[in-house]
Protein backbone atom coordinates (compact mmCIF):
# COMPACT_ATOMS: atom_id res chain seq x y z
CA UNK A 1 0.00 0.00 0.00
CA UNK A 2 1.38 3.37 -1.08
CA UNK A 3 -0.21 6.65 0.05
CA UNK A 4 -0.63 9.15 -2.79
CA UNK A 5 0.51 12.60 -1.58
CA UNK A 6 -2.28 15.20 -1.87
CA UNK A 7 -0.54 17.26 -4.55
CA UNK A 8 -0.06 14.21 -6.82
CA UNK A 9 -3.73 13.43 -7.42
CA UNK A 10 -6.52 15.40 -9.13
CA UNK A 11 -9.56 15.15 -6.88
CA UNK A 12 -11.81 16.78 -9.50
CA UNK A 13 -10.98 15.19 -12.84
CA UNK A 14 -8.69 12.93 -14.81
CA UNK A 15 -5.72 11.04 -13.35
CA UNK A 16 -3.16 8.70 -14.87
CA UNK A 17 -1.41 5.80 -13.19
CA UNK A 18 1.63 4.30 -14.91
CA UNK A 19 3.48 1.24 -13.67
CA UNK A 20 6.84 -0.15 -14.79
CA UNK A 21 6.95 -3.86 -13.92
CA UNK A 22 10.37 -5.55 -13.89
CA UNK A 23 9.73 -9.30 -13.91
CA UNK A 24 12.56 -11.63 -12.91
PDBML (XML) file of the C-alpha atoms, coordinates in Angstrom:
<?xml version="1.0" encoding="UTF-8" ?>
<PDBx:datablock datablockName="MODEL"
   xmlns:PDBx="http://pdbml.pdb.org/schema/pdbx-v50.xsd"
   xmlns:xsi="http://www.w3.org/2001/XMLSchema-instance"
   xsi:schemaLocation="http://pdbml.pdb.org/schema/pdbx-v50.xsd pdbx-v50.xsd">
   <PDBx:atom_siteCategory>
      <PDBx:atom_site id="1">
         <PDBx:B_iso_or_equiv>0.00</PDBx:B_iso_or_equiv>
         <PDBx:Cartn_x>0.000</PDBx:Cartn_x>
         <PDBx:Cartn_y>0.000</PDBx:Cartn_y>
         <PDBx:Cartn_z>0.000</PDBx:Cartn_z>
         <PDBx:auth_asym_id>A</PDBx:auth_asym_id>
         <PDBx:auth_atom_id>CA</PDBx:auth_atom_id>
         <PDBx:auth_comp_id>UNK</PDBx:auth_comp_id>
         <PDBx:auth_seq_id>1</PDBx:auth_seq_id>
         <PDBx:group_PDB>ATOM</PDBx:group_PDB>
         <PDBx:label_alt_id xsi:nil="true" />
         <PDBx:label_asym_id>A</PDBx:label_asym_id>
         <PDBx:label_atom_id>CA</PDBx:label_atom_id>
         <PDBx:label_comp_id>UNK</PDBx:label_comp_id>
         <PDBx:label_entity_id>1</PDBx:label_entity_id>
         <PDBx:label_seq_id>1</PDBx:label_seq_id>
         <PDBx:occupancy>1.00</PDBx:occupancy>
         <PDBx:pdbx_PDB_model_num>1</PDBx:pdbx_PDB_model_num>
         <PDBx:type_symbol>C</PDBx:type_symbol>
      </PDBx:atom_site>
      <PDBx:atom_site id="2">
         <PDBx:B_iso_or_equiv>0.00</PDBx:B_iso_or_equiv>
         <PDBx:Cartn_x>1.384</PDBx:Cartn_x>
         <PDBx:Cartn_y>3.374</PDBx:Cartn_y>
         <PDBx:Cartn_z>-1.077</PDBx:Cartn_z>
         <PDBx:auth_asym_id>A</PDBx:auth_asym_id>
         <PDBx:auth_atom_id>CA</PDBx:auth_atom_id>
         <PDBx:auth_comp_id>UNK</PDBx:auth_comp_id>
         <PDBx:auth_seq_id>2</PDBx:auth_seq_id>
         <PDBx:group_PDB>ATOM</PDBx:group_PDB>
         <PDBx:label_alt_id xsi:nil="true" />
         <PDBx:label_asym_id>A</PDBx:label_asym_id>
         <PDBx:label_atom_id>CA</PDBx:label_atom_id>
         <PDBx:label_comp_id>UNK</PDBx:label_comp_id>
         <PDBx:label_entity_id>1</PDBx:label_entity_id>
         <PDBx:label_seq_id>2</PDBx:label_seq_id>
         <PDBx:occupancy>1.00</PDBx:occupancy>
         <PDBx:pdbx_PDB_model_num>1</PDBx:pdbx_PDB_model_num>
         <PDBx:type_symbol>C</PDBx:type_symbol>
      </PDBx:atom_site>
      <PDBx:atom_site id="3">
         <PDBx:B_iso_or_equiv>0.00</PDBx:B_iso_or_equiv>
         <PDBx:Cartn_x>-0.207</PDBx:Cartn_x>
         <PDBx:Cartn_y>6.652</PDBx:Cartn_y>
         <PDBx:Cartn_z>0.054</PDBx:Cartn_z>
         <PDBx:auth_asym_id>A</PDBx:auth_asym_id>
         <PDBx:auth_atom_id>CA</PDBx:auth_atom_id>
         <PDBx:auth_comp_id>UNK</PDBx:auth_comp_id>
         <PDBx:auth_seq_id>3</PDBx:auth_seq_id>
         <PDBx:group_PDB>ATOM</PDBx:group_PDB>
         <PDBx:label_alt_id xsi:nil="true" />
         <PDBx:label_asym_id>A</PDBx:label_asym_id>
         <PDBx:label_atom_id>CA</PDBx:label_atom_id>
         <PDBx:label_comp_id>UNK</PDBx:label_comp_id>
         <PDBx:label_entity_id>1</PDBx:label_entity_id>
         <PDBx:label_seq_id>3</PDBx:label_seq_id>
         <PDBx:occupancy>1.00</PDBx:occupancy>
         <PDBx:pdbx_PDB_model_num>1</PDBx:pdbx_PDB_model_num>
         <PDBx:type_symbol>C</PDBx:type_symbol>
      </PDBx:atom_site>
      <PDBx:atom_site id="4">
         <PDBx:B_iso_or_equiv>0.00</PDBx:B_iso_or_equiv>
         <PDBx:Cartn_x>-0.632</PDBx:Cartn_x>
         <PDBx:Cartn_y>9.146</PDBx:Cartn_y>
         <PDBx:Cartn_z>-2.788</PDBx:Cartn_z>
         <PDBx:auth_asym_id>A</PDBx:auth_asym_id>
         <PDBx:auth_atom_id>CA</PDBx:auth_atom_id>
         <PDBx:auth_comp_id>UNK</PDBx:auth_comp_id>
         <PDBx:auth_seq_id>4</PDBx:auth_seq_id>
         <PDBx:group_PDB>ATOM</PDBx:group_PDB>
         <PDBx:label_alt_id xsi:nil="true" />
         <PDBx:label_asym_id>A</PDBx:label_asym_id>
         <PDBx:label_atom_id>CA</PDBx:label_atom_id>
         <PDBx:label_comp_id>UNK</PDBx:label_comp_id>
         <PDBx:label_entity_id>1</PDBx:label_entity_id>
         <PDBx:label_seq_id>4</PDBx:label_seq_id>
         <PDBx:occupancy>1.00</PDBx:occupancy>
         <PDBx:pdbx_PDB_model_num>1</PDBx:pdbx_PDB_model_num>
         <PDBx:type_symbol>C</PDBx:type_symbol>
      </PDBx:atom_site>
      <PDBx:atom_site id="5">
         <PDBx:B_iso_or_equiv>0.00</PDBx:B_iso_or_equiv>
         <PDBx:Cartn_x>0.508</PDBx:Cartn_x>
         <PDBx:Cartn_y>12.601</PDBx:Cartn_y>
         <PDBx:Cartn_z>-1.581</PDBx:Cartn_z>
         <PDBx:auth_asym_id>A</PDBx:auth_asym_id>
         <PDBx:auth_atom_id>CA</PDBx:auth_atom_id>
         <PDBx:auth_comp_id>UNK</PDBx:auth_comp_id>
         <PDBx:auth_seq_id>5</PDBx:auth_seq_id>
         <PDBx:group_PDB>ATOM</PDBx:group_PDB>
         <PDBx:label_alt_id xsi:nil="true" />
         <PDBx:label_asym_id>A</PDBx:label_asym_id>
         <PDBx:label_atom_id>CA</PDBx:label_atom_id>
         <PDBx:label_comp_id>UNK</PDBx:label_comp_id>
         <PDBx:label_entity_id>1</PDBx:label_entity_id>
         <PDBx:label_seq_id>5</PDBx:label_seq_id>
         <PDBx:occupancy>1.00</PDBx:occupancy>
         <PDBx:pdbx_PDB_model_num>1</PDBx:pdbx_PDB_model_num>
         <PDBx:type_symbol>C</PDBx:type_symbol>
      </PDBx:atom_site>
      <PDBx:atom_site id="6">
         <PDBx:B_iso_or_equiv>0.00</PDBx:B_iso_or_equiv>
         <PDBx:Cartn_x>-2.280</PDBx:Cartn_x>
         <PDBx:Cartn_y>15.198</PDBx:Cartn_y>
         <PDBx:Cartn_z>-1.866</PDBx:Cartn_z>
         <PDBx:auth_asym_id>A</PDBx:auth_asym_id>
         <PDBx:auth_atom_id>CA</PDBx:auth_atom_id>
         <PDBx:auth_comp_id>UNK</PDBx:auth_comp_id>
         <PDBx:auth_seq_id>6</PDBx:auth_seq_id>
         <PDBx:group_PDB>ATOM</PDBx:group_PDB>
         <PDBx:label_alt_id xsi:nil="true" />
         <PDBx:label_asym_id>A</PDBx:label_asym_id>
         <PDBx:label_atom_id>CA</PDBx:label_atom_id>
         <PDBx:label_comp_id>UNK</PDBx:label_comp_id>
         <PDBx:label_entity_id>1</PDBx:label_entity_id>
         <PDBx:label_seq_id>6</PDBx:label_seq_id>
         <PDBx:occupancy>1.00</PDBx:occupancy>
         <PDBx:pdbx_PDB_model_num>1</PDBx:pdbx_PDB_model_num>
         <PDBx:type_symbol>C</PDBx:type_symbol>
      </PDBx:atom_site>
      <PDBx:atom_site id="7">
         <PDBx:B_iso_or_equiv>0.00</PDBx:B_iso_or_equiv>
         <PDBx:Cartn_x>-0.544</PDBx:Cartn_x>
         <PDBx:Cartn_y>17.262</PDBx:Cartn_y>
         <PDBx:Cartn_z>-4.552</PDBx:Cartn_z>
         <PDBx:auth_asym_id>A</PDBx:auth_asym_id>
         <PDBx:auth_atom_id>CA</PDBx:auth_atom_id>
         <PDBx:auth_comp_id>UNK</PDBx:auth_comp_id>
         <PDBx:auth_seq_id>7</PDBx:auth_seq_id>
         <PDBx:group_PDB>ATOM</PDBx:group_PDB>
         <PDBx:label_alt_id xsi:nil="true" />
         <PDBx:label_asym_id>A</PDBx:label_asym_id>
         <PDBx:label_atom_id>CA</PDBx:label_atom_id>
         <PDBx:label_comp_id>UNK</PDBx:label_comp_id>
         <PDBx:label_entity_id>1</PDBx:label_entity_id>
         <PDBx:label_seq_id>7</PDBx:label_seq_id>
         <PDBx:occupancy>1.00</PDBx:occupancy>
         <PDBx:pdbx_PDB_model_num>1</PDBx:pdbx_PDB_model_num>
         <PDBx:type_symbol>C</PDBx:type_symbol>
      </PDBx:atom_site>
      <PDBx:atom_site id="8">
         <PDBx:B_iso_or_equiv>0.00</PDBx:B_iso_or_equiv>
         <PDBx:Cartn_x>-0.055</PDBx:Cartn_x>
         <PDBx:Cartn_y>14.212</PDBx:Cartn_y>
         <PDBx:Cartn_z>-6.817</PDBx:Cartn_z>
         <PDBx:auth_asym_id>A</PDBx:auth_asym_id>
         <PDBx:auth_atom_id>CA</PDBx:auth_atom_id>
         <PDBx:auth_comp_id>UNK</PDBx:auth_comp_id>
         <PDBx:auth_seq_id>8</PDBx:auth_seq_id>
         <PDBx:group_PDB>ATOM</PDBx:group_PDB>
         <PDBx:label_alt_id xsi:nil="true" />
         <PDBx:label_asym_id>A</PDBx:label_asym_id>
         <PDBx:label_atom_id>CA</PDBx:label_atom_id>
         <PDBx:label_comp_id>UNK</PDBx:label_comp_id>
         <PDBx:label_entity_id>1</PDBx:label_entity_id>
         <PDBx:label_seq_id>8</PDBx:label_seq_id>
         <PDBx:occupancy>1.00</PDBx:occupancy>
         <PDBx:pdbx_PDB_model_num>1</PDBx:pdbx_PDB_model_num>
         <PDBx:type_symbol>C</PDBx:type_symbol>
      </PDBx:atom_site>
      <PDBx:atom_site id="9">
         <PDBx:B_iso_or_equiv>0.00</PDBx:B_iso_or_equiv>
         <PDBx:Cartn_x>-3.733</PDBx:Cartn_x>
         <PDBx:Cartn_y>13.430</PDBx:Cartn_y>
         <PDBx:Cartn_z>-7.424</PDBx:Cartn_z>
         <PDBx:auth_asym_id>A</PDBx:auth_asym_id>
         <PDBx:auth_atom_id>CA</PDBx:auth_atom_id>
         <PDBx:auth_comp_id>UNK</PDBx:auth_comp_id>
         <PDBx:auth_seq_id>9</PDBx:auth_seq_id>
         <PDBx:group_PDB>ATOM</PDBx:group_PDB>
         <PDBx:label_alt_id xsi:nil="true" />
         <PDBx:label_asym_id>A</PDBx:label_asym_id>
         <PDBx:label_atom_id>CA</PDBx:label_atom_id>
         <PDBx:label_comp_id>UNK</PDBx:label_comp_id>
         <PDBx:label_entity_id>1</PDBx:label_entity_id>
         <PDBx:label_seq_id>9</PDBx:label_seq_id>
         <PDBx:occupancy>1.00</PDBx:occupancy>
         <PDBx:pdbx_PDB_model_num>1</PDBx:pdbx_PDB_model_num>
         <PDBx:type_symbol>C</PDBx:type_symbol>
      </PDBx:atom_site>
      <PDBx:atom_site id="10">
         <PDBx:B_iso_or_equiv>0.00</PDBx:B_iso_or_equiv>
         <PDBx:Cartn_x>-6.519</PDBx:Cartn_x>
         <PDBx:Cartn_y>15.405</PDBx:Cartn_y>
         <PDBx:Cartn_z>-9.129</PDBx:Cartn_z>
         <PDBx:auth_asym_id>A</PDBx:auth_asym_id>
         <PDBx:auth_atom_id>CA</PDBx:auth_atom_id>
         <PDBx:auth_comp_id>UNK</PDBx:auth_comp_id>
         <PDBx:auth_seq_id>10</PDBx:auth_seq_id>
         <PDBx:group_PDB>ATOM</PDBx:group_PDB>
         <PDBx:label_alt_id xsi:nil="true" />
         <PDBx:label_asym_id>A</PDBx:label_asym_id>
         <PDBx:label_atom_id>CA</PDBx:label_atom_id>
         <PDBx:label_comp_id>UNK</PDBx:label_comp_id>
         <PDBx:label_entity_id>1</PDBx:label_entity_id>
         <PDBx:label_seq_id>10</PDBx:label_seq_id>
         <PDBx:occupancy>1.00</PDBx:occupancy>
         <PDBx:pdbx_PDB_model_num>1</PDBx:pdbx_PDB_model_num>
         <PDBx:type_symbol>C</PDBx:type_symbol>
      </PDBx:atom_site>
      <PDBx:atom_site id="11">
         <PDBx:B_iso_or_equiv>0.00</PDBx:B_iso_or_equiv>
         <PDBx:Cartn_x>-9.565</PDBx:Cartn_x>
         <PDBx:Cartn_y>15.148</PDBx:Cartn_y>
         <PDBx:Cartn_z>-6.877</PDBx:Cartn_z>
         <PDBx:auth_asym_id>A</PDBx:auth_asym_id>
         <PDBx:auth_atom_id>CA</PDBx:auth_atom_id>
         <PDBx:auth_comp_id>UNK</PDBx:auth_comp_id>
         <PDBx:auth_seq_id>11</PDBx:auth_seq_id>
         <PDBx:group_PDB>ATOM</PDBx:group_PDB>
         <PDBx:label_alt_id xsi:nil="true" />
         <PDBx:label_asym_id>A</PDBx:label_asym_id>
         <PDBx:label_atom_id>CA</PDBx:label_atom_id>
         <PDBx:label_comp_id>UNK</PDBx:label_comp_id>
         <PDBx:label_entity_id>1</PDBx:label_entity_id>
         <PDBx:label_seq_id>11</PDBx:label_seq_id>
         <PDBx:occupancy>1.00</PDBx:occupancy>
         <PDBx:pdbx_PDB_model_num>1</PDBx:pdbx_PDB_model_num>
         <PDBx:type_symbol>C</PDBx:type_symbol>
      </PDBx:atom_site>
      <PDBx:atom_site id="12">
         <PDBx:B_iso_or_equiv>0.00</PDBx:B_iso_or_equiv>
         <PDBx:Cartn_x>-11.805</PDBx:Cartn_x>
         <PDBx:Cartn_y>16.781</PDBx:Cartn_y>
         <PDBx:Cartn_z>-9.500</PDBx:Cartn_z>
         <PDBx:auth_asym_id>A</PDBx:auth_asym_id>
         <PDBx:auth_atom_id>CA</PDBx:auth_atom_id>
         <PDBx:auth_comp_id>UNK</PDBx:auth_comp_id>
         <PDBx:auth_seq_id>12</PDBx:auth_seq_id>
         <PDBx:group_PDB>ATOM</PDBx:group_PDB>
         <PDBx:label_alt_id xsi:nil="true" />
         <PDBx:label_asym_id>A</PDBx:label_asym_id>
         <PDBx:label_atom_id>CA</PDBx:label_atom_id>
         <PDBx:label_comp_id>UNK</PDBx:label_comp_id>
         <PDBx:label_entity_id>1</PDBx:label_entity_id>
         <PDBx:label_seq_id>12</PDBx:label_seq_id>
         <PDBx:occupancy>1.00</PDBx:occupancy>
         <PDBx:pdbx_PDB_model_num>1</PDBx:pdbx_PDB_model_num>
         <PDBx:type_symbol>C</PDBx:type_symbol>
      </PDBx:atom_site>
      <PDBx:atom_site id="13">
         <PDBx:B_iso_or_equiv>0.00</PDBx:B_iso_or_equiv>
         <PDBx:Cartn_x>-10.983</PDBx:Cartn_x>
         <PDBx:Cartn_y>15.188</PDBx:Cartn_y>
         <PDBx:Cartn_z>-12.842</PDBx:Cartn_z>
         <PDBx:auth_asym_id>A</PDBx:auth_asym_id>
         <PDBx:auth_atom_id>CA</PDBx:auth_atom_id>
         <PDBx:auth_comp_id>UNK</PDBx:auth_comp_id>
         <PDBx:auth_seq_id>13</PDBx:auth_seq_id>
         <PDBx:group_PDB>ATOM</PDBx:group_PDB>
         <PDBx:label_alt_id xsi:nil="true" />
         <PDBx:label_asym_id>A</PDBx:label_asym_id>
         <PDBx:label_atom_id>CA</PDBx:label_atom_id>
         <PDBx:label_comp_id>UNK</PDBx:label_comp_id>
         <PDBx:label_entity_id>1</PDBx:label_entity_id>
         <PDBx:label_seq_id>13</PDBx:label_seq_id>
         <PDBx:occupancy>1.00</PDBx:occupancy>
         <PDBx:pdbx_PDB_model_num>1</PDBx:pdbx_PDB_model_num>
         <PDBx:type_symbol>C</PDBx:type_symbol>
      </PDBx:atom_site>
      <PDBx:atom_site id="14">
         <PDBx:B_iso_or_equiv>0.00</PDBx:B_iso_or_equiv>
         <PDBx:Cartn_x>-8.689</PDBx:Cartn_x>
         <PDBx:Cartn_y>12.927</PDBx:Cartn_y>
         <PDBx:Cartn_z>-14.813</PDBx:Cartn_z>
         <PDBx:auth_asym_id>A</PDBx:auth_asym_id>
         <PDBx:auth_atom_id>CA</PDBx:auth_atom_id>
         <PDBx:auth_comp_id>UNK</PDBx:auth_comp_id>
         <PDBx:auth_seq_id>14</PDBx:auth_seq_id>
         <PDBx:group_PDB>ATOM</PDBx:group_PDB>
         <PDBx:label_alt_id xsi:nil="true" />
         <PDBx:label_asym_id>A</PDBx:label_asym_id>
         <PDBx:label_atom_id>CA</PDBx:label_atom_id>
         <PDBx:label_comp_id>UNK</PDBx:label_comp_id>
         <PDBx:label_entity_id>1</PDBx:label_entity_id>
         <PDBx:label_seq_id>14</PDBx:label_seq_id>
         <PDBx:occupancy>1.00</PDBx:occupancy>
         <PDBx:pdbx_PDB_model_num>1</PDBx:pdbx_PDB_model_num>
         <PDBx:type_symbol>C</PDBx:type_symbol>
      </PDBx:atom_site>
      <PDBx:atom_site id="15">
         <PDBx:B_iso_or_equiv>0.00</PDBx:B_iso_or_equiv>
         <PDBx:Cartn_x>-5.717</PDBx:Cartn_x>
         <PDBx:Cartn_y>11.045</PDBx:Cartn_y>
         <PDBx:Cartn_z>-13.349</PDBx:Cartn_z>
         <PDBx:auth_asym_id>A</PDBx:auth_asym_id>
         <PDBx:auth_atom_id>CA</PDBx:auth_atom_id>
         <PDBx:auth_comp_id>UNK</PDBx:auth_comp_id>
         <PDBx:auth_seq_id>15</PDBx:auth_seq_id>
         <PDBx:group_PDB>ATOM</PDBx:group_PDB>
         <PDBx:label_alt_id xsi:nil="true" />
         <PDBx:label_asym_id>A</PDBx:label_asym_id>
         <PDBx:label_atom_id>CA</PDBx:label_atom_id>
         <PDBx:label_comp_id>UNK</PDBx:label_comp_id>
         <PDBx:label_entity_id>1</PDBx:label_entity_id>
         <PDBx:label_seq_id>15</PDBx:label_seq_id>
         <PDBx:occupancy>1.00</PDBx:occupancy>
         <PDBx:pdbx_PDB_model_num>1</PDBx:pdbx_PDB_model_num>
         <PDBx:type_symbol>C</PDBx:type_symbol>
      </PDBx:atom_site>
      <PDBx:atom_site id="16">
         <PDBx:B_iso_or_equiv>0.00</PDBx:B_iso_or_equiv>
         <PDBx:Cartn_x>-3.157</PDBx:Cartn_x>
         <PDBx:Cartn_y>8.703</PDBx:Cartn_y>
         <PDBx:Cartn_z>-14.871</PDBx:Cartn_z>
         <PDBx:auth_asym_id>A</PDBx:auth_asym_id>
         <PDBx:auth_atom_id>CA</PDBx:auth_atom_id>
         <PDBx:auth_comp_id>UNK</PDBx:auth_comp_id>
         <PDBx:auth_seq_id>16</PDBx:auth_seq_id>
         <PDBx:group_PDB>ATOM</PDBx:group_PDB>
         <PDBx:label_alt_id xsi:nil="true" />
         <PDBx:label_asym_id>A</PDBx:label_asym_id>
         <PDBx:label_atom_id>CA</PDBx:label_atom_id>
         <PDBx:label_comp_id>UNK</PDBx:label_comp_id>
         <PDBx:label_entity_id>1</PDBx:label_entity_id>
         <PDBx:label_seq_id>16</PDBx:label_seq_id>
         <PDBx:occupancy>1.00</PDBx:occupancy>
         <PDBx:pdbx_PDB_model_num>1</PDBx:pdbx_PDB_model_num>
         <PDBx:type_symbol>C</PDBx:type_symbol>
      </PDBx:atom_site>
      <PDBx:atom_site id="17">
         <PDBx:B_iso_or_equiv>0.00</PDBx:B_iso_or_equiv>
         <PDBx:Cartn_x>-1.414</PDBx:Cartn_x>
         <PDBx:Cartn_y>5.797</PDBx:Cartn_y>
         <PDBx:Cartn_z>-13.195</PDBx:Cartn_z>
         <PDBx:auth_asym_id>A</PDBx:auth_asym_id>
         <PDBx:auth_atom_id>CA</PDBx:auth_atom_id>
         <PDBx:auth_comp_id>UNK</PDBx:auth_comp_id>
         <PDBx:auth_seq_id>17</PDBx:auth_seq_id>
         <PDBx:group_PDB>ATOM</PDBx:group_PDB>
         <PDBx:label_alt_id xsi:nil="true" />
         <PDBx:label_asym_id>A</PDBx:label_asym_id>
         <PDBx:label_atom_id>CA</PDBx:label_atom_id>
         <PDBx:label_comp_id>UNK</PDBx:label_comp_id>
         <PDBx:label_entity_id>1</PDBx:label_entity_id>
         <PDBx:label_seq_id>17</PDBx:label_seq_id>
         <PDBx:occupancy>1.00</PDBx:occupancy>
         <PDBx:pdbx_PDB_model_num>1</PDBx:pdbx_PDB_model_num>
         <PDBx:type_symbol>C</PDBx:type_symbol>
      </PDBx:atom_site>
      <PDBx:atom_site id="18">
         <PDBx:B_iso_or_equiv>0.00</PDBx:B_iso_or_equiv>
         <PDBx:Cartn_x>1.628</PDBx:Cartn_x>
         <PDBx:Cartn_y>4.305</PDBx:Cartn_y>
         <PDBx:Cartn_z>-14.915</PDBx:Cartn_z>
         <PDBx:auth_asym_id>A</PDBx:auth_asym_id>
         <PDBx:auth_atom_id>CA</PDBx:auth_atom_id>
         <PDBx:auth_comp_id>UNK</PDBx:auth_comp_id>
         <PDBx:auth_seq_id>18</PDBx:auth_seq_id>
         <PDBx:group_PDB>ATOM</PDBx:group_PDB>
         <PDBx:label_alt_id xsi:nil="true" />
         <PDBx:label_asym_id>A</PDBx:label_asym_id>
         <PDBx:label_atom_id>CA</PDBx:label_atom_id>
         <PDBx:label_comp_id>UNK</PDBx:label_comp_id>
         <PDBx:label_entity_id>1</PDBx:label_entity_id>
         <PDBx:label_seq_id>18</PDBx:label_seq_id>
         <PDBx:occupancy>1.00</PDBx:occupancy>
         <PDBx:pdbx_PDB_model_num>1</PDBx:pdbx_PDB_model_num>
         <PDBx:type_symbol>C</PDBx:type_symbol>
      </PDBx:atom_site>
      <PDBx:atom_site id="19">
         <PDBx:B_iso_or_equiv>0.00</PDBx:B_iso_or_equiv>
         <PDBx:Cartn_x>3.478</PDBx:Cartn_x>
         <PDBx:Cartn_y>1.239</PDBx:Cartn_y>
         <PDBx:Cartn_z>-13.666</PDBx:Cartn_z>
         <PDBx:auth_asym_id>A</PDBx:auth_asym_id>
         <PDBx:auth_atom_id>CA</PDBx:auth_atom_id>
         <PDBx:auth_comp_id>UNK</PDBx:auth_comp_id>
         <PDBx:auth_seq_id>19</PDBx:auth_seq_id>
         <PDBx:group_PDB>ATOM</PDBx:group_PDB>
         <PDBx:label_alt_id xsi:nil="true" />
         <PDBx:label_asym_id>A</PDBx:label_asym_id>
         <PDBx:label_atom_id>CA</PDBx:label_atom_id>
         <PDBx:label_comp_id>UNK</PDBx:label_comp_id>
         <PDBx:label_entity_id>1</PDBx:label_entity_id>
         <PDBx:label_seq_id>19</PDBx:label_seq_id>
         <PDBx:occupancy>1.00</PDBx:occupancy>
         <PDBx:pdbx_PDB_model_num>1</PDBx:pdbx_PDB_model_num>
         <PDBx:type_symbol>C</PDBx:type_symbol>
      </PDBx:atom_site>
      <PDBx:atom_site id="20">
         <PDBx:B_iso_or_equiv>0.00</PDBx:B_iso_or_equiv>
         <PDBx:Cartn_x>6.836</PDBx:Cartn_x>
         <PDBx:Cartn_y>-0.147</PDBx:Cartn_y>
         <PDBx:Cartn_z>-14.786</PDBx:Cartn_z>
         <PDBx:auth_asym_id>A</PDBx:auth_asym_id>
         <PDBx:auth_atom_id>CA</PDBx:auth_atom_id>
         <PDBx:auth_comp_id>UNK</PDBx:auth_comp_id>
         <PDBx:auth_seq_id>20</PDBx:auth_seq_id>
         <PDBx:group_PDB>ATOM</PDBx:group_PDB>
         <PDBx:label_alt_id xsi:nil="true" />
         <PDBx:label_asym_id>A</PDBx:label_asym_id>
         <PDBx:label_atom_id>CA</PDBx:label_atom_id>
         <PDBx:label_comp_id>UNK</PDBx:label_comp_id>
         <PDBx:label_entity_id>1</PDBx:label_entity_id>
         <PDBx:label_seq_id>20</PDBx:label_seq_id>
         <PDBx:occupancy>1.00</PDBx:occupancy>
         <PDBx:pdbx_PDB_model_num>1</PDBx:pdbx_PDB_model_num>
         <PDBx:type_symbol>C</PDBx:type_symbol>
      </PDBx:atom_site>
      <PDBx:atom_site id="21">
         <PDBx:B_iso_or_equiv>0.00</PDBx:B_iso_or_equiv>
         <PDBx:Cartn_x>6.951</PDBx:Cartn_x>
         <PDBx:Cartn_y>-3.860</PDBx:Cartn_y>
         <PDBx:Cartn_z>-13.915</PDBx:Cartn_z>
         <PDBx:auth_asym_id>A</PDBx:auth_asym_id>
         <PDBx:auth_atom_id>CA</PDBx:auth_atom_id>
         <PDBx:auth_comp_id>UNK</PDBx:auth_comp_id>
         <PDBx:auth_seq_id>21</PDBx:auth_seq_id>
         <PDBx:group_PDB>ATOM</PDBx:group_PDB>
         <PDBx:label_alt_id xsi:nil="true" />
         <PDBx:label_asym_id>A</PDBx:label_asym_id>
         <PDBx:label_atom_id>CA</PDBx:label_atom_id>
         <PDBx:label_comp_id>UNK</PDBx:label_comp_id>
         <PDBx:label_entity_id>1</PDBx:label_entity_id>
         <PDBx:label_seq_id>21</PDBx:label_seq_id>
         <PDBx:occupancy>1.00</PDBx:occupancy>
         <PDBx:pdbx_PDB_model_num>1</PDBx:pdbx_PDB_model_num>
         <PDBx:type_symbol>C</PDBx:type_symbol>
      </PDBx:atom_site>
      <PDBx:atom_site id="22">
         <PDBx:B_iso_or_equiv>0.00</PDBx:B_iso_or_equiv>
         <PDBx:Cartn_x>10.367</PDBx:Cartn_x>
         <PDBx:Cartn_y>-5.545</PDBx:Cartn_y>
         <PDBx:Cartn_z>-13.893</PDBx:Cartn_z>
         <PDBx:auth_asym_id>A</PDBx:auth_asym_id>
         <PDBx:auth_atom_id>CA</PDBx:auth_atom_id>
         <PDBx:auth_comp_id>UNK</PDBx:auth_comp_id>
         <PDBx:auth_seq_id>22</PDBx:auth_seq_id>
         <PDBx:group_PDB>ATOM</PDBx:group_PDB>
         <PDBx:label_alt_id xsi:nil="true" />
         <PDBx:label_asym_id>A</PDBx:label_asym_id>
         <PDBx:label_atom_id>CA</PDBx:label_atom_id>
         <PDBx:label_comp_id>UNK</PDBx:label_comp_id>
         <PDBx:label_entity_id>1</PDBx:label_entity_id>
         <PDBx:label_seq_id>22</PDBx:label_seq_id>
         <PDBx:occupancy>1.00</PDBx:occupancy>
         <PDBx:pdbx_PDB_model_num>1</PDBx:pdbx_PDB_model_num>
         <PDBx:type_symbol>C</PDBx:type_symbol>
      </PDBx:atom_site>
      <PDBx:atom_site id="23">
         <PDBx:B_iso_or_equiv>0.00</PDBx:B_iso_or_equiv>
         <PDBx:Cartn_x>9.734</PDBx:Cartn_x>
         <PDBx:Cartn_y>-9.296</PDBx:Cartn_y>
         <PDBx:Cartn_z>-13.911</PDBx:Cartn_z>
         <PDBx:auth_asym_id>A</PDBx:auth_asym_id>
         <PDBx:auth_atom_id>CA</PDBx:auth_atom_id>
         <PDBx:auth_comp_id>UNK</PDBx:auth_comp_id>
         <PDBx:auth_seq_id>23</PDBx:auth_seq_id>
         <PDBx:group_PDB>ATOM</PDBx:group_PDB>
         <PDBx:label_alt_id xsi:nil="true" />
         <PDBx:label_asym_id>A</PDBx:label_asym_id>
         <PDBx:label_atom_id>CA</PDBx:label_atom_id>
         <PDBx:label_comp_id>UNK</PDBx:label_comp_id>
         <PDBx:label_entity_id>1</PDBx:label_entity_id>
         <PDBx:label_seq_id>23</PDBx:label_seq_id>
         <PDBx:occupancy>1.00</PDBx:occupancy>
         <PDBx:pdbx_PDB_model_num>1</PDBx:pdbx_PDB_model_num>
         <PDBx:type_symbol>C</PDBx:type_symbol>
      </PDBx:atom_site>
      <PDBx:atom_site id="24">
         <PDBx:B_iso_or_equiv>0.00</PDBx:B_iso_or_equiv>
         <PDBx:Cartn_x>12.558</PDBx:Cartn_x>
         <PDBx:Cartn_y>-11.633</PDBx:Cartn_y>
         <PDBx:Cartn_z>-12.910</PDBx:Cartn_z>
         <PDBx:auth_asym_id>A</PDBx:auth_asym_id>
         <PDBx:auth_atom_id>CA</PDBx:auth_atom_id>
         <PDBx:auth_comp_id>UNK</PDBx:auth_comp_id>
         <PDBx:auth_seq_id>24</PDBx:auth_seq_id>
         <PDBx:group_PDB>ATOM</PDBx:group_PDB>
         <PDBx:label_alt_id xsi:nil="true" />
         <PDBx:label_asym_id>A</PDBx:label_asym_id>
         <PDBx:label_atom_id>CA</PDBx:label_atom_id>
         <PDBx:label_comp_id>UNK</PDBx:label_comp_id>
         <PDBx:label_entity_id>1</PDBx:label_entity_id>
         <PDBx:label_seq_id>24</PDBx:label_seq_id>
         <PDBx:occupancy>1.00</PDBx:occupancy>
         <PDBx:pdbx_PDB_model_num>1</PDBx:pdbx_PDB_model_num>
         <PDBx:type_symbol>C</PDBx:type_symbol>
      </PDBx:atom_site>
   </PDBx:atom_siteCategory>
</PDBx:datablock>
